[in-house]
């Protein structure tokens, strides 16, 4: 979110000032949005004009009821505001006050469709990376047996219908909101570790579901974590993430984990998860021709990018894998990985873990979920240095992507090739 509108008052908003020449700032803010939540924390109520939608905010700017409006990069550009009838001076703020990446949403109960949607989106990114366009869609890869023979040309068909990601952006957004670096394709030279916002974490969730994996872990008293074969260094970060999950659920130390070596094949991982031999698999390779589109598995965000053959443009994406049949459990696994990155972004360490937000989404009994995860293992950088050495140098995708944000789009390996 940026502040936009009359230039002198946009400057006031960027500087969070409401005194002297900024005393008359009036910010139109939409009730029920994260923009409103943030604005009420930054400015007195007397400087906020409540609206119900963006059109009302722009009309209020035209009528002089406010001199600043809010919006994401594409929602309040000058061309849009001018087209609505505003004729006064206009500027867009240079500071960003929220972090709200957009995504497609599917139901928890249909993981196959969620995988299908994700695979289509990945194909559009990968097509841009490979410079394959709508006009050359016929040259794009088939899916193999991933979704059955009926959908073997799904990537080609999607690309032929709308073009690659860059073409879509150019068609719909470029004229009103030029593409910034954060929406570019990452070439491996800059960071990709980027936490997603937690949203309304104080919303009270249902608590561990009956006979679900979280309840089983609580009753058992320890986490069962699968790790790939290899030496302690190669699986060290995998083990750290499992300790974080154990700490978050059991609210004790990081050692309530039983580790089991599991061969890194889809069949072995799925069998171990389905049988209950393991609750989560750490070290799974996430790509579009293997695990990401296989039924039965759900994956966390990537926590480590392993470069192949010295080629910085391609890398293995290492994640945590769990059974997609238990959506509550896969959500918890996903957000614990995110929490370690969030902690590093915000300077929260093992010693200051109580600065992590409380969260009630998994029931009031697990409200310290994030705090206990960081208390157990620290933030991402603390884990990394414990595994690879205090003087280890983090480079490329395994660094944070923070303001000013670098390219964040990373098509998964093995799609167009």
Foldseek 3Di string as FASTA:
>chain_A
DWKKFAVVQSVCVVVLHCDDVNVQAAEEDAPPDVRVVQVVVSDPPVRYDYDHDDLVRLVCRQVVVHGIYDDDLQRDFPVVSVVSPRDDDMDIHDDDDDDADDDDDDDLQCVLVVLVVVLLLLLLQVCVVVVHWLVRLVLFAFLPCLPHPVRRSVNSVSRVVQIHPVSNCVVPGCVRGNDDQQAHAAQQFAAQLEFHDPPPQAPAADADDPPDPLVVCQVVVAFEEEEEDDDCLVCLLLLLLRLLQRQLRNVDASPRYDYDHFHQAPVRVQVCQVVVVHAKYWFHFDFSNGDSSHAFKDWAFFQDWADDPPRSRATTGTTMIGGSNRVVVSVLSNVLSSLLSVCVVVVHWLVRLVVDAFGNNNHPVSRCNSSRSRVHQIHSVSSVCVSVNVPDDDGGHNDDQDPVGHYNDYNGPDGRD
